[in-house]
Amino acid sequence: MEFMIKRDKVELLNQVNQEKLMEEGRLLREKYLEKKKVFHHSSAFAITTPEGKRLTEEEFSDYLKGAKLTRLSMEFNAHYCRGLLEA
C-alpha cells in the first residue's frame, strides 16, 4: 500500500514536470520544486501542514489566515525595530 502511494506521488510530480508552461510559469515551477527538495517536502500536494498532512478546503482557509497574520506580525516587528534603531 505504502509503495503504491509513493509511486502515485512520483507520477504526479512527473506530470507537473512535464506540463508545458509559459516562461514565467516554468520558472515558478522550477523554484517550487527546488524548494520542495531543500525542505525535504516529499508530499505530492503543494500545501500541507508542517507534518506533511494534506489540507482540506476548510483547513486551507484557516491556513491562509494564519499565514497572513504571521506576515503582518513580522512586518510590524520589523517596523517597530527600525523605529527603535532610529531613536
PDB file of N, CA and C in Angstrom:
ATOM      1  N   MET A   1       0.829  -1.195   0.000  1.00  0.00           N
ATOM      2  CA  MET A   1       0.000   0.000   0.000  1.00  0.00           C
ATOM      3  C   MET A   1       0.875   1.262   0.000  1.00  0.00           C
ATOM      4  N   GLU A   2       1.881   1.311   0.905  1.00  0.00           N
ATOM      5  CA  GLU A   2       2.745   2.485   1.001  1.00  0.00           C
ATOM      6  C   GLU A   2       3.519   2.694  -0.298  1.00  0.00           C
ATOM      7  N   PHE A   3       3.950   1.589  -0.922  1.00  0.00           N
ATOM      8  CA  PHE A   3       4.663   1.685  -2.198  1.00  0.00           C
ATOM      9  C   PHE A   3       3.770   2.307  -3.256  1.00  0.00           C
ATOM     10  N   MET A   4       2.484   1.930  -3.271  1.00  0.00           N
ATOM     11  CA  MET A   4       1.535   2.476  -4.252  1.00  0.00           C
ATOM     12  C   MET A   4       1.379   3.980  -4.065  1.00  0.00           C
ATOM     13  N   ILE A   5       1.304   4.424  -2.808  1.00  0.00           N
ATOM     14  CA  ILE A   5       1.144   5.850  -2.523  1.00  0.00           C
ATOM     15  C   ILE A   5       2.382   6.603  -2.991  1.00  0.00           C
ATOM     16  N   LYS A   6       3.567   6.087  -2.684  1.00  0.00           N
ATOM     17  CA  LYS A   6       4.799   6.741  -3.111  1.00  0.00           C
ATOM     18  C   LYS A   6       4.889   6.783  -4.631  1.00  0.00           C
ATOM     19  N   ARG A   7       4.499   5.707  -5.287  1.00  0.00           N
ATOM     20  CA  ARG A   7       4.540   5.670  -6.745  1.00  0.00           C
ATOM     21  C   ARG A   7       3.571   6.698  -7.331  1.00  0.00           C
ATOM     22  N   ASP A   8       2.382   6.826  -6.730  1.00  0.00           N
ATOM     23  CA  ASP A   8       1.409   7.818  -7.187  1.00  0.00           C
ATOM     24  C   ASP A   8       1.959   9.230  -7.027  1.00  0.00           C
ATOM     25  N   LYS A   9       2.663   9.505  -5.930  1.00  0.00           N
ATOM     26  CA  LYS A   9       3.267  10.819  -5.712  1.00  0.00           C
ATOM     27  C   LYS A   9       4.314  11.114  -6.776  1.00  0.00           C
ATOM     28  N   VAL A  10       5.138  10.123  -7.070  1.00  0.00           N
ATOM     29  CA  VAL A  10       6.182  10.299  -8.078  1.00  0.00           C
ATOM     30  C   VAL A  10       5.545  10.559  -9.441  1.00  0.00           C
ATOM     31  N   GLU A  11       4.498   9.807  -9.769  1.00  0.00           N
ATOM     32  CA  GLU A  11       3.822  10.004 -11.049  1.00  0.00           C
ATOM     33  C   GLU A  11       3.214  11.403 -11.133  1.00  0.00           C
ATOM     34  N   LEU A  12       2.618  11.879 -10.044  1.00  0.00           N
ATOM     35  CA  LEU A  12       2.025  13.204 -10.027  1.00  0.00           C
ATOM     36  C   LEU A  12       3.095  14.278 -10.215  1.00  0.00           C
ATOM     37  N   LEU A  13       4.226  14.139  -9.526  1.00  0.00           N
ATOM     38  CA  LEU A  13       5.314  15.101  -9.687  1.00  0.00           C
ATOM     39  C   LEU A  13       5.882  15.057 -11.098  1.00  0.00           C
ATOM     40  N   ASN A  14       5.946  13.878 -11.694  1.00  0.00           N
ATOM     41  CA  ASN A  14       6.408  13.776 -13.076  1.00  0.00           C
ATOM     42  C   ASN A  14       5.448  14.494 -14.024  1.00  0.00           C
ATOM     43  N   GLN A  15       4.152  14.387 -13.771  1.00  0.00           N
ATOM     44  CA  GLN A  15       3.168  15.089 -14.598  1.00  0.00           C
ATOM     45  C   GLN A  15       3.359  16.592 -14.478  1.00  0.00           C
ATOM     46  N   VAL A  16       3.597  17.080 -13.266  1.00  0.00           N
ATOM     47  CA  VAL A  16       3.830  18.506 -13.057  1.00  0.00           C
ATOM     48  C   VAL A  16       5.059  18.946 -13.831  1.00  0.00           C
ATOM     49  N   ASN A  17       6.105  18.149 -13.805  1.00  0.00           N
ATOM     50  CA  ASN A  17       7.340  18.477 -14.515  1.00  0.00           C
ATOM     51  C   ASN A  17       7.149  18.495 -16.025  1.00  0.00           C
ATOM     52  N   GLN A  18       6.216  17.719 -16.542  1.00  0.00           N
ATOM     53  CA  GLN A  18       6.051  17.598 -17.985  1.00  0.00           C
ATOM     54  C   GLN A  18       5.055  18.602 -18.566  1.00  0.00           C
ATOM     55  N   GLU A  19       4.296  19.288 -17.725  1.00  0.00           N
ATOM     56  CA  GLU A  19       3.331  20.270 -18.222  1.00  0.00           C
ATOM     57  C   GLU A  19       4.053  21.383 -18.965  1.00  0.00           C
ATOM     58  N   LYS A  20       3.486  21.811 -20.081  1.00  0.00           N
ATOM     59  CA  LYS A  20       4.067  22.915 -20.836  1.00  0.00           C
ATOM     60  C   LYS A  20       3.521  24.217 -20.279  1.00  0.00           C
ATOM     61  N   LEU A  21       4.423  25.121 -19.929  1.00  0.00           N
ATOM     62  CA  LEU A  21       4.049  26.392 -19.335  1.00  0.00           C
ATOM     63  C   LEU A  21       4.751  27.528 -20.066  1.00  0.00           C
ATOM     64  N   MET A  22       4.210  28.731 -19.901  1.00  0.00           N
ATOM     65  CA  MET A  22       4.914  29.898 -20.392  1.00  0.00           C
ATOM     66  C   MET A  22       6.178  30.061 -19.554  1.00  0.00           C
ATOM     67  N   GLU A  23       7.101  30.891 -19.995  1.00  0.00           N
ATOM     68  CA  GLU A  23       8.398  31.043 -19.329  1.00  0.00           C
ATOM     69  C   GLU A  23       8.253  31.363 -17.838  1.00  0.00           C
ATOM     70  N   GLU A  24       7.378  32.311 -17.491  1.00  0.00           N
ATOM     71  CA  GLU A  24       7.201  32.689 -16.084  1.00  0.00           C
ATOM     72  C   GLU A  24       6.710  31.505 -15.259  1.00  0.00           C
ATOM     73  N   GLY A  25       5.747  30.785 -15.777  1.00  0.00           N
ATOM     74  CA  GLY A  25       5.228  29.614 -15.076  1.00  0.00           C
ATOM     75  C   GLY A  25       6.270  28.531 -14.926  1.00  0.00           C
ATOM     76  N   ARG A  26       7.079  28.346 -15.964  1.00  0.00           N
ATOM     77  CA  ARG A  26       8.135  27.340 -15.909  1.00  0.00           C
ATOM     78  C   ARG A  26       9.143  27.678 -14.821  1.00  0.00           C
ATOM     79  N   LEU A  27       9.527  28.960 -14.736  1.00  0.00           N
ATOM     80  CA  LEU A  27      10.483  29.381 -13.711  1.00  0.00           C
ATOM     81  C   LEU A  27       9.902  29.208 -12.310  1.00  0.00           C
ATOM     82  N   LEU A  28       8.631  29.548 -12.135  1.00  0.00           N
ATOM     83  CA  LEU A  28       7.985  29.373 -10.827  1.00  0.00           C
ATOM     84  C   LEU A  28       7.925  27.901 -10.441  1.00  0.00           C
ATOM     85  N   ARG A  29       7.594  27.046 -11.415  1.00  0.00           N
ATOM     86  CA  ARG A  29       7.536  25.609 -11.136  1.00  0.00           C
ATOM     87  C   ARG A  29       8.904  25.093 -10.707  1.00  0.00           C
ATOM     88  N   GLU A  30       9.963  25.517 -11.403  1.00  0.00           N
ATOM     89  CA  GLU A  30      11.307  25.077 -11.054  1.00  0.00           C
ATOM     90  C   GLU A  30      11.692  25.530  -9.648  1.00  0.00           C
ATOM     91  N   LYS A  31      11.365  26.774  -9.300  1.00  0.00           N
ATOM     92  CA  LYS A  31      11.664  27.277  -7.951  1.00  0.00           C
ATOM     93  C   LYS A  31      10.893  26.478  -6.902  1.00  0.00           C
ATOM     94  N   TYR A  32       9.614  26.210  -7.187  1.00  0.00           N
ATOM     95  CA  TYR A  32       8.780  25.468  -6.244  1.00  0.00           C
ATOM     96  C   TYR A  32       9.350  24.065  -6.008  1.00  0.00           C
ATOM     97  N   LEU A  33       9.666  23.365  -7.090  1.00  0.00           N
ATOM     98  CA  LEU A  33      10.195  22.009  -6.951  1.00  0.00           C
ATOM     99  C   LEU A  33      11.554  22.009  -6.266  1.00  0.00           C
ATOM    100  N   GLU A  34      12.353  23.046  -6.508  1.00  0.00           N
ATOM    101  CA  GLU A  34      13.649  23.167  -5.833  1.00  0.00           C
ATOM    102  C   GLU A  34      13.454  23.347  -4.330  1.00  0.00           C
ATOM    103  N   LYS A  35      12.500  24.198  -3.946  1.00  0.00           N
ATOM    104  CA  LYS A  35      12.223  24.422  -2.521  1.00  0.00           C
ATOM    105  C   LYS A  35      11.725  23.148  -1.860  1.00  0.00           C
ATOM    106  N   LYS A  36      10.907  22.374  -2.568  1.00  0.00           N
ATOM    107  CA  LYS A  36      10.427  21.109  -2.009  1.00  0.00           C
ATOM    108  C   LYS A  36      11.606  20.204  -1.659  1.00  0.00           C
ATOM    109  N   LYS A  37      12.625  20.175  -2.522  1.00  0.00           N
ATOM    110  CA  LYS A  37      13.798  19.342  -2.260  1.00  0.00           C
ATOM    111  C   LYS A  37      14.583  19.868  -1.069  1.00  0.00           C
ATOM    112  N   VAL A  38      14.776  21.183  -1.010  1.00  0.00           N
ATOM    113  CA  VAL A  38      15.557  21.793   0.073  1.00  0.00           C
ATOM    114  C   VAL A  38      14.940  21.469   1.432  1.00  0.00           C
ATOM    115  N   PHE A  39      13.609  21.527   1.507  1.00  0.00           N
ATOM    116  CA  PHE A  39      12.916  21.309   2.777  1.00  0.00           C
ATOM    117  C   PHE A  39      12.460  19.857   2.957  1.00  0.00           C
ATOM    118  N   HIS A  40      12.934  18.965   2.083  1.00  0.00           N
ATOM    119  CA  HIS A  40      12.587  17.539   2.157  1.00  0.00           C
ATOM    120  C   HIS A  40      11.077  17.344   2.195  1.00  0.00           C
ATOM    121  N   HIS A  41      10.373  18.093   1.351  1.00  0.00           N
ATOM    122  CA  HIS A  41       8.912  18.028   1.265  1.00  0.00           C
ATOM    123  C   HIS A  41       8.552  16.995   0.208  1.00  0.00           C
ATOM    124  N   SER A  42       8.326  15.774   0.637  1.00  0.00           N
ATOM    125  CA  SER A  42       8.123  14.680  -0.308  1.00  0.00           C
ATOM    126  C   SER A  42       6.666  14.510  -0.725  1.00  0.00           C
ATOM    127  N   SER A  43       5.765  15.260  -0.122  1.00  0.00           N
ATOM    128  CA  SER A  43       4.351  15.126  -0.455  1.00  0.00           C
ATOM    129  C   SER A  43       4.087  15.621  -1.869  1.00  0.00           C
ATOM    130  N   ALA A  44       3.145  14.999  -2.548  1.00  0.00           N
ATOM    131  CA  ALA A  44       2.768  15.434  -3.894  1.00  0.00           C
ATOM    132  C   ALA A  44       1.851  16.646  -3.830  1.00  0.00           C
ATOM    133  N   PHE A  45       1.359  16.970  -2.647  1.00  0.00           N
ATOM    134  CA  PHE A  45       0.463  18.112  -2.501  1.00  0.00           C
ATOM    135  C   PHE A  45       1.274  19.388  -2.342  1.00  0.00           C
ATOM    136  N   ALA A  46       0.785  20.455  -2.925  1.00  0.00           N
ATOM    137  CA  ALA A  46       1.516  21.726  -2.904  1.00  0.00           C
ATOM    138  C   ALA A  46       1.565  22.324  -1.509  1.00  0.00           C
ATOM    139  N   ILE A  47       0.458  22.311  -0.804  1.00  0.00           N
ATOM    140  CA  ILE A  47       0.399  22.948   0.508  1.00  0.00           C
ATOM    141  C   ILE A  47      -0.068  21.927   1.524  1.00  0.00           C
ATOM    142  N   THR A  48       0.763  21.744   2.545  1.00  0.00           N
ATOM    143  CA  THR A  48       0.459  20.778   3.594  1.00  0.00           C
ATOM    144  C   THR A  48       0.744  21.410   4.955  1.00  0.00           C
ATOM    145  N   THR A  49       0.396  20.696   5.992  1.00  0.00           N
ATOM    146  CA  THR A  49       0.780  21.111   7.333  1.00  0.00           C
ATOM    147  C   THR A  49       2.282  20.863   7.473  1.00  0.00           C
ATOM    148  N   PRO A  50       2.903  21.429   8.509  1.00  0.00           N
ATOM    149  CA  PRO A  50       4.331  21.145   8.717  1.00  0.00           C
ATOM    150  C   PRO A  50       4.630  19.649   8.868  1.00  0.00           C
ATOM    151  N   GLU A  51       3.626  18.883   9.270  1.00  0.00           N
ATOM    152  CA  GLU A  51       3.809  17.433   9.424  1.00  0.00           C
ATOM    153  C   GLU A  51       3.614  16.693   8.111  1.00  0.00           C
ATOM    154  N   GLY A  52       3.244  17.409   7.041  1.00  0.00           N
ATOM    155  CA  GLY A  52       3.043  16.787   5.739  1.00  0.00           C
ATOM    156  C   GLY A  52       1.631  16.325   5.470  1.00  0.00           C
ATOM    157  N   LYS A  53       0.694  16.659   6.366  1.00  0.00           N
ATOM    158  CA  LYS A  53      -0.702  16.254   6.200  1.00  0.00           C
ATOM    159  C   LYS A  53      -1.375  17.147   5.161  1.00  0.00           C
ATOM    160  N   ARG A  54      -2.155  16.555   4.291  1.00  0.00           N
ATOM    161  CA  ARG A  54      -2.894  17.298   3.278  1.00  0.00           C
ATOM    162  C   ARG A  54      -3.943  18.186   3.935  1.00  0.00           C
ATOM    163  N   LEU A  55      -4.092  19.408   3.433  1.00  0.00           N
ATOM    164  CA  LEU A  55      -5.102  20.328   3.952  1.00  0.00           C
ATOM    165  C   LEU A  55      -6.405  20.158   3.193  1.00  0.00           C
ATOM    166  N   THR A  56      -7.513  20.147   3.920  1.00  0.00           N
ATOM    167  CA  THR A  56      -8.817  20.129   3.265  1.00  0.00           C
ATOM    168  C   THR A  56      -9.158  21.556   2.851  1.00  0.00           C
ATOM    169  N   GLU A  57     -10.216  21.727   2.074  1.00  0.00           N
ATOM    170  CA  GLU A  57     -10.627  23.075   1.654  1.00  0.00           C
ATOM    171  C   GLU A  57     -10.948  23.948   2.861  1.00  0.00           C
ATOM    172  N   GLU A  58     -11.585  23.362   3.870  1.00  0.00           N
ATOM    173  CA  GLU A  58     -11.933  24.110   5.070  1.00  0.00           C
ATOM    174  C   GLU A  58     -10.683  24.535   5.839  1.00  0.00           C
ATOM    175  N   GLU A  59      -9.727  23.639   5.954  1.00  0.00           N
ATOM    176  CA  GLU A  59      -8.482  23.933   6.668  1.00  0.00           C
ATOM    177  C   GLU A  59      -7.622  24.938   5.908  1.00  0.00           C
ATOM    178  N   PHE A  60      -7.718  24.926   4.583  1.00  0.00           N
ATOM    179  CA  PHE A  60      -6.898  25.814   3.772  1.00  0.00           C
ATOM    180  C   PHE A  60      -7.211  27.276   4.057  1.00  0.00           C
ATOM    181  N   SER A  61      -8.481  27.608   4.245  1.00  0.00           N
ATOM    182  CA  SER A  61      -8.876  28.981   4.556  1.00  0.00           C
ATOM    183  C   SER A  61      -8.223  29.443   5.858  1.00  0.00           C
ATOM    184  N   ASP A  62      -8.277  28.600   6.878  1.00  0.00           N
ATOM    185  CA  ASP A  62      -7.643  28.932   8.160  1.00  0.00           C
ATOM    186  C   ASP A  62      -6.122  29.010   8.013  1.00  0.00           C
ATOM    187  N   TYR A  63      -5.560  28.144   7.181  1.00  0.00           N
ATOM    188  CA  TYR A  63      -4.122  28.151   6.919  1.00  0.00           C
ATOM    189  C   TYR A  63      -3.706  29.501   6.328  1.00  0.00           C
ATOM    190  N   LEU A  64      -4.470  29.991   5.346  1.00  0.00           N
ATOM    191  CA  LEU A  64      -4.154  31.282   4.727  1.00  0.00           C
ATOM    192  C   LEU A  64      -4.283  32.431   5.722  1.00  0.00           C
ATOM    193  N   LYS A  65      -5.302  32.375   6.581  1.00  0.00           N
ATOM    194  CA  LYS A  65      -5.462  33.419   7.605  1.00  0.00           C
ATOM    195  C   LYS A  65      -4.263  33.426   8.549  1.00  0.00           C
ATOM    196  N   GLY A  66      -3.826  32.248   8.958  1.00  0.00           N
ATOM    197  CA  GLY A  66      -2.663  32.148   9.833  1.00  0.00           C
ATOM    198  C   GLY A  66      -1.402  32.672   9.170  1.00  0.00           C
ATOM    199  N   ALA A  67      -1.226  32.354   7.887  1.00  0.00           N
ATOM    200  CA  ALA A  67      -0.056  32.841   7.154  1.00  0.00           C
ATOM    201  C   ALA A  67      -0.096  34.364   7.040  1.00  0.00           C
ATOM    202  N   LYS A  68      -1.282  34.917   6.804  1.00  0.00           N
ATOM    203  CA  LYS A  68      -1.423  36.372   6.696  1.00  0.00           C
ATOM    204  C   LYS A  68      -1.095  37.042   8.028  1.00  0.00           C
ATOM    205  N   LEU A  69      -1.601  36.481   9.122  1.00  0.00           N
ATOM    206  CA  LEU A  69      -1.330  37.046  10.439  1.00  0.00           C
ATOM    207  C   LEU A  69       0.159  36.974  10.782  1.00  0.00           C
ATOM    208  N   THR A  70       0.800  35.884  10.395  1.00  0.00           N
ATOM    209  CA  THR A  70       2.238  35.743  10.630  1.00  0.00           C
ATOM    210  C   THR A  70       3.005  36.810   9.860  1.00  0.00           C
ATOM    211  N   ARG A  71       2.640  37.003   8.590  1.00  0.00           N
ATOM    212  CA  ARG A  71       3.318  38.003   7.765  1.00  0.00           C
ATOM    213  C   ARG A  71       3.121  39.395   8.343  1.00  0.00           C
ATOM    214  N   LEU A  72       1.894  39.716   8.752  1.00  0.00           N
ATOM    215  CA  LEU A  72       1.617  41.033   9.330  1.00  0.00           C
ATOM    216  C   LEU A  72       2.397  41.239  10.623  1.00  0.00           C
ATOM    217  N   SER A  73       2.496  40.209  11.430  1.00  0.00           N
ATOM    218  CA  SER A  73       3.248  40.298  12.673  1.00  0.00           C
ATOM    219  C   SER A  73       4.731  40.549  12.389  1.00  0.00           C
ATOM    220  N   MET A  74       5.262  39.867  11.391  1.00  0.00           N
ATOM    221  CA  MET A  74       6.666  40.060  11.031  1.00  0.00           C
ATOM    222  C   MET A  74       6.905  41.480  10.524  1.00  0.00           C
ATOM    223  N   GLU A  75       5.981  41.996   9.719  1.00  0.00           N
ATOM    224  CA  GLU A  75       6.121  43.358   9.207  1.00  0.00           C
ATOM    225  C   GLU A  75       6.049  44.373  10.347  1.00  0.00           C
ATOM    226  N   PHE A  76       5.124  44.167  11.277  1.00  0.00           N
ATOM    227  CA  PHE A  76       5.004  45.075  12.414  1.00  0.00           C
ATOM    228  C   PHE A  76       6.283  45.059  13.246  1.00  0.00           C
ATOM    229  N   ASN A  77       6.792  43.861  13.534  1.00  0.00           N
ATOM    230  CA  ASN A  77       8.013  43.759  14.338  1.00  0.00           C
ATOM    231  C   ASN A  77       9.192  44.431  13.643  1.00  0.00           C
ATOM    232  N   ALA A  78       9.292  44.280  12.334  1.00  0.00           N
ATOM    233  CA  ALA A  78      10.380  44.913  11.593  1.00  0.00           C
ATOM    234  C   ALA A  78      10.253  46.432  11.666  1.00  0.00           C
ATOM    235  N   HIS A  79       9.036  46.935  11.497  1.00  0.00           N
ATOM    236  CA  HIS A  79       8.796  48.380  11.565  1.00  0.00           C
ATOM    237  C   HIS A  79       9.127  48.899  12.976  1.00  0.00           C
ATOM    238  N   TYR A  80       8.709  48.165  13.981  1.00  0.00           N
ATOM    239  CA  TYR A  80       8.956  48.538  15.371  1.00  0.00           C
ATOM    240  C   TYR A  80      10.463  48.584  15.653  1.00  0.00           C
ATOM    241  N   CYS A  81      11.185  47.574  15.184  1.00  0.00           N
ATOM    242  CA  CYS A  81      12.640  47.528  15.392  1.00  0.00           C
ATOM    243  C   CYS A  81      13.342  48.671  14.676  1.00  0.00           C
ATOM    244  N   ARG A  82      12.913  48.980  13.457  1.00  0.00           N
ATOM    245  CA  ARG A  82      13.516  50.115  12.747  1.00  0.00           C
ATOM    246  C   ARG A  82      13.291  51.402  13.513  1.00  0.00           C
ATOM    247  N   GLY A  83      12.101  51.559  14.093  1.00  0.00           N
ATOM    248  CA  GLY A  83      11.803  52.739  14.903  1.00  0.00           C
ATOM    249  C   GLY A  83      12.708  52.829  16.123  1.00  0.00           C
ATOM    250  N   LEU A  84      12.937  51.703  16.775  1.00  0.00           N
ATOM    251  CA  LEU A  84      13.816  51.691  17.947  1.00  0.00           C
ATOM    252  C   LEU A  84      15.256  52.031  17.558  1.00  0.00           C
ATOM    253  N   LEU A  85      15.696  51.559  16.408  1.00  0.00           N
ATOM    254  CA  LEU A  85      17.051  51.851  15.962  1.00  0.00           C
ATOM    255  C   LEU A  85      17.232  53.331  15.644  1.00  0.00           C
ATOM    256  N   GLU A  86      16.200  53.973  15.163  1.00  0.00           N
ATOM    257  CA  GLU A  86      16.275  55.398  14.841  1.00  0.00           C
ATOM    258  C   GLU A  86      16.261  56.260  16.089  1.00  0.00           C
ATOM    259  N   ALA A  87      15.688  55.759  17.172  1.00  0.00           N
ATOM    260  CA  ALA A  87      15.557  56.558  18.400  1.00  0.00           C
ATOM    261  C   ALA A  87      16.883  56.736  19.112  1.00  0.00           C
TER     262      ALA A  87
END
